[in-house]
Amino acid sequence: MSARRVEGTEATMITDAEIHLEKLATELELRGFAVRLRVKEGWSPSLSVTNPKAPVLAESILVMADMEGQAAYYFPWPMRIAPVTELIIAADSVERVLAETGRPSRTAVPTGRLEADAR
């Protein structure tokens, strides 16, 4: 937890978005990323994620409702990452986006899926 910092003291109520971002922060921190939860009154909470091996690889993550009204993680441009119920999938996606060259993959694509994609 040493790399995690919460910015902003104005907020007094913890939102669902903050809870989901904190869960993602924990998972990404276990994978070696530096994370910082940003909470400021009047702004949506966000999670800053940086690859400490390549600090230029950094991004913010938000929680917003998707088209079905379900909470999901998003990059700010906005690109949906995964539903908040799919924490590992979300962390895998963020890790792929922020991976430095030569970073070993944590997940392997099942061979059946590759065969189906080739058709």
C-alpha atoms as a PDB file:
ATOM      1  CA  MET A   1       0.000   0.000   0.000  1.00  0.00           C
ATOM      2  CA  SER A   2       3.003   2.301   0.074  1.00  0.00           C
ATOM      3  CA  ALA A   3       2.482   3.552  -3.476  1.00  0.00           C
ATOM      4  CA  ARG A   4      -1.195   4.325  -2.974  1.00  0.00           C
ATOM      5  CA  ARG A   5      -2.201   7.836  -1.981  1.00  0.00           C
ATOM      6  CA  VAL A   6      -5.625   9.390  -1.757  1.00  0.00           C
ATOM      7  CA  GLU A   7      -5.693  12.998  -2.861  1.00  0.00           C
ATOM      8  CA  GLY A   8      -8.317  15.428  -1.718  1.00  0.00           C
ATOM      9  CA  THR A   9      -9.732  15.788   1.740  1.00  0.00           C
ATOM     10  CA  GLU A  10     -12.881  17.646   0.782  1.00  0.00           C
ATOM     11  CA  ALA A  11     -14.919  14.499   0.207  1.00  0.00           C
ATOM     12  CA  THR A  12     -16.613  13.176   3.312  1.00  0.00           C
ATOM     13  CA  MET A  13     -18.739  10.410   1.816  1.00  0.00           C
ATOM     14  CA  ILE A  14     -17.232   7.384   0.095  1.00  0.00           C
ATOM     15  CA  THR A  15     -19.009   6.631  -3.162  1.00  0.00           C
ATOM     16  CA  ASP A  16     -19.496   3.301  -4.916  1.00  0.00           C
ATOM     17  CA  ALA A  17     -17.094   4.536  -7.611  1.00  0.00           C
ATOM     18  CA  GLU A  18     -14.382   5.069  -4.998  1.00  0.00           C
ATOM     19  CA  ILE A  19     -14.917   1.564  -3.622  1.00  0.00           C
ATOM     20  CA  HIS A  20     -14.587   0.029  -7.101  1.00  0.00           C
ATOM     21  CA  LEU A  21     -11.523   2.145  -7.905  1.00  0.00           C
ATOM     22  CA  GLU A  22      -9.906   1.120  -4.617  1.00  0.00           C
ATOM     23  CA  LYS A  23     -10.431  -2.566  -5.482  1.00  0.00           C
ATOM     24  CA  LEU A  24      -8.834  -2.017  -8.890  1.00  0.00           C
ATOM     25  CA  ALA A  25      -6.002  -0.069  -7.242  1.00  0.00           C
ATOM     26  CA  THR A  26      -5.254  -3.003  -4.957  1.00  0.00           C
ATOM     27  CA  GLU A  27      -5.132  -5.455  -7.869  1.00  0.00           C
ATOM     28  CA  LEU A  28      -2.938  -3.186 -10.001  1.00  0.00           C
ATOM     29  CA  GLU A  29      -0.606  -2.473  -7.096  1.00  0.00           C
ATOM     30  CA  LEU A  30      -0.098  -6.238  -6.668  1.00  0.00           C
ATOM     31  CA  ARG A  31       1.000  -6.254 -10.318  1.00  0.00           C
ATOM     32  CA  GLY A  32       3.655  -3.623  -9.680  1.00  0.00           C
ATOM     33  CA  PHE A  33       1.874  -0.453 -10.778  1.00  0.00           C
ATOM     34  CA  ALA A  34       1.920   2.804  -8.830  1.00  0.00           C
ATOM     35  CA  VAL A  35      -1.637   3.921  -8.104  1.00  0.00           C
ATOM     36  CA  ARG A  36      -3.240   7.021  -6.653  1.00  0.00           C
ATOM     37  CA  LEU A  37      -6.940   7.492  -5.940  1.00  0.00           C
ATOM     38  CA  ARG A  38      -7.975  11.071  -6.647  1.00  0.00           C
ATOM     39  CA  VAL A  39     -11.034  12.368  -4.830  1.00  0.00           C
ATOM     40  CA  LYS A  40     -11.977  16.016  -5.081  1.00  0.00           C
ATOM     41  CA  GLU A  41     -15.311  17.629  -4.336  1.00  0.00           C
ATOM     42  CA  GLY A  42     -17.196  18.445  -7.524  1.00  0.00           C
ATOM     43  CA  TRP A  43     -15.183  15.968  -9.630  1.00  0.00           C
ATOM     44  CA  SER A  44     -15.672  12.288 -10.381  1.00  0.00           C
ATOM     45  CA  PRO A  45     -13.217  10.108  -8.462  1.00  0.00           C
ATOM     46  CA  SER A  46     -10.424   8.735 -10.621  1.00  0.00           C
ATOM     47  CA  LEU A  47      -7.556   6.333 -10.268  1.00  0.00           C
ATOM     48  CA  SER A  48      -4.157   7.377 -11.617  1.00  0.00           C
ATOM     49  CA  VAL A  49      -2.109   4.362 -12.662  1.00  0.00           C
ATOM     50  CA  THR A  50       1.575   4.578 -13.616  1.00  0.00           C
ATOM     51  CA  ASN A  51       4.024   1.934 -14.724  1.00  0.00           C
ATOM     52  CA  PRO A  52       7.072   2.682 -12.517  1.00  0.00           C
ATOM     53  CA  LYS A  53       9.376   0.904 -14.993  1.00  0.00           C
ATOM     54  CA  ALA A  54       8.221   3.290 -17.745  1.00  0.00           C
ATOM     55  CA  PRO A  55       6.613   6.347 -16.092  1.00  0.00           C
ATOM     56  CA  VAL A  56       5.495   7.747 -19.435  1.00  0.00           C
ATOM     57  CA  LEU A  57       3.008   4.851 -19.423  1.00  0.00           C
ATOM     58  CA  ALA A  58       0.310   6.319 -17.211  1.00  0.00           C
ATOM     59  CA  GLU A  59      -3.449   6.638 -17.402  1.00  0.00           C
ATOM     60  CA  SER A  60      -6.509   7.603 -15.411  1.00  0.00           C
ATOM     61  CA  ILE A  61      -9.392   5.220 -14.766  1.00  0.00           C
ATOM     62  CA  LEU A  62     -12.978   6.276 -14.042  1.00  0.00           C
ATOM     63  CA  VAL A  63     -16.156   4.440 -13.049  1.00  0.00           C
ATOM     64  CA  MET A  64     -19.245   5.345 -15.079  1.00  0.00           C
ATOM     65  CA  ALA A  65     -22.503   3.727 -16.125  1.00  0.00           C
ATOM     66  CA  ASP A  66     -22.297   1.855 -19.424  1.00  0.00           C
ATOM     67  CA  MET A  67     -25.040   1.790 -22.078  1.00  0.00           C
ATOM     68  CA  GLU A  68     -27.004  -0.776 -20.040  1.00  0.00           C
ATOM     69  CA  GLY A  69     -26.751   1.383 -16.926  1.00  0.00           C
ATOM     70  CA  GLN A  70     -24.254  -0.935 -15.227  1.00  0.00           C
ATOM     71  CA  ALA A  71     -21.163   0.455 -13.491  1.00  0.00           C
ATOM     72  CA  ALA A  72     -17.993  -0.116 -15.489  1.00  0.00           C
ATOM     73  CA  TYR A  73     -14.355   0.950 -15.516  1.00  0.00           C
ATOM     74  CA  TYR A  74     -13.463   3.415 -18.269  1.00  0.00           C
ATOM     75  CA  PHE A  75     -10.429   5.128 -19.703  1.00  0.00           C
ATOM     76  CA  PRO A  76     -11.151   8.871 -19.903  1.00  0.00           C
ATOM     77  CA  TRP A  77     -11.402   9.161 -23.708  1.00  0.00           C
ATOM     78  CA  PRO A  78     -14.031   7.278 -22.979  1.00  0.00           C
ATOM     79  CA  MET A  79     -13.347   3.643 -23.685  1.00  0.00           C
ATOM     80  CA  ARG A  80     -15.040   0.973 -21.606  1.00  0.00           C
ATOM     81  CA  ILE A  81     -12.569  -1.373 -19.939  1.00  0.00           C
ATOM     82  CA  ALA A  82     -14.836  -3.875 -18.151  1.00  0.00           C
ATOM     83  CA  PRO A  83     -17.798  -4.003 -15.768  1.00  0.00           C
ATOM     84  CA  VAL A  84     -16.845  -3.402 -12.132  1.00  0.00           C
ATOM     85  CA  THR A  85     -17.947  -6.985 -11.457  1.00  0.00           C
ATOM     86  CA  GLU A  86     -15.052  -8.190 -13.662  1.00  0.00           C
ATOM     87  CA  LEU A  87     -12.117  -6.874 -11.625  1.00  0.00           C
ATOM     88  CA  ILE A  88      -9.466  -9.257 -12.992  1.00  0.00           C
ATOM     89  CA  ILE A  89     -10.510  -8.612 -16.601  1.00  0.00           C
ATOM     90  CA  ALA A  90     -10.295  -4.867 -15.937  1.00  0.00           C
ATOM     91  CA  ALA A  91      -6.853  -5.185 -14.342  1.00  0.00           C
ATOM     92  CA  ASP A  92      -5.639  -7.368 -17.228  1.00  0.00           C
ATOM     93  CA  SER A  93      -6.818  -4.742 -19.732  1.00  0.00           C
ATOM     94  CA  VAL A  94      -5.161  -1.858 -17.883  1.00  0.00           C
ATOM     95  CA  GLU A  95      -1.982  -3.899 -17.557  1.00  0.00           C
ATOM     96  CA  ARG A  96      -1.902  -4.540 -21.324  1.00  0.00           C
ATOM     97  CA  VAL A  97      -2.327  -0.821 -22.069  1.00  0.00           C
ATOM     98  CA  LEU A  98       0.413   0.232 -19.639  1.00  0.00           C
ATOM     99  CA  ALA A  99       2.846  -2.656 -20.162  1.00  0.00           C
ATOM    100  CA  GLU A 100       6.467  -1.856 -20.895  1.00  0.00           C
ATOM    101  CA  THR A 101       8.266  -3.716 -23.681  1.00  0.00           C
ATOM    102  CA  GLY A 102       9.127  -7.236 -22.599  1.00  0.00           C
ATOM    103  CA  ARG A 103       6.660  -7.360 -19.707  1.00  0.00           C
ATOM    104  CA  PRO A 104       5.565 -10.985 -19.276  1.00  0.00           C
ATOM    105  CA  SER A 105       1.880 -11.572 -19.880  1.00  0.00           C
ATOM    106  CA  ARG A 106      -0.128 -12.627 -16.816  1.00  0.00           C
ATOM    107  CA  THR A 107      -2.885 -14.157 -18.894  1.00  0.00           C
ATOM    108  CA  ALA A 108      -2.815 -16.535 -21.810  1.00  0.00           C
ATOM    109  CA  VAL A 109      -5.471 -16.675 -24.489  1.00  0.00           C
ATOM    110  CA  PRO A 110      -7.132 -20.121 -24.511  1.00  0.00           C
ATOM    111  CA  THR A 111      -6.135 -22.038 -27.653  1.00  0.00           C
ATOM    112  CA  GLY A 112      -9.749 -22.734 -28.585  1.00  0.00           C
ATOM    113  CA  ARG A 113     -10.368 -19.013 -28.775  1.00  0.00           C
ATOM    114  CA  LEU A 114      -7.469 -18.498 -31.196  1.00  0.00           C
ATOM    115  CA  GLU A 115      -8.807 -21.252 -33.434  1.00  0.00           C
ATOM    116  CA  ALA A 116     -12.293 -19.718 -33.397  1.00  0.00           C
ATOM    117  CA  ASP A 117     -10.868 -16.277 -34.235  1.00  0.00           C
ATOM    118  CA  ALA A 118      -8.987 -17.717 -37.221  1.00  0.00           C
ATOM    119  CA  ARG A 119     -12.202 -18.890 -38.896  1.00  0.00           C
END
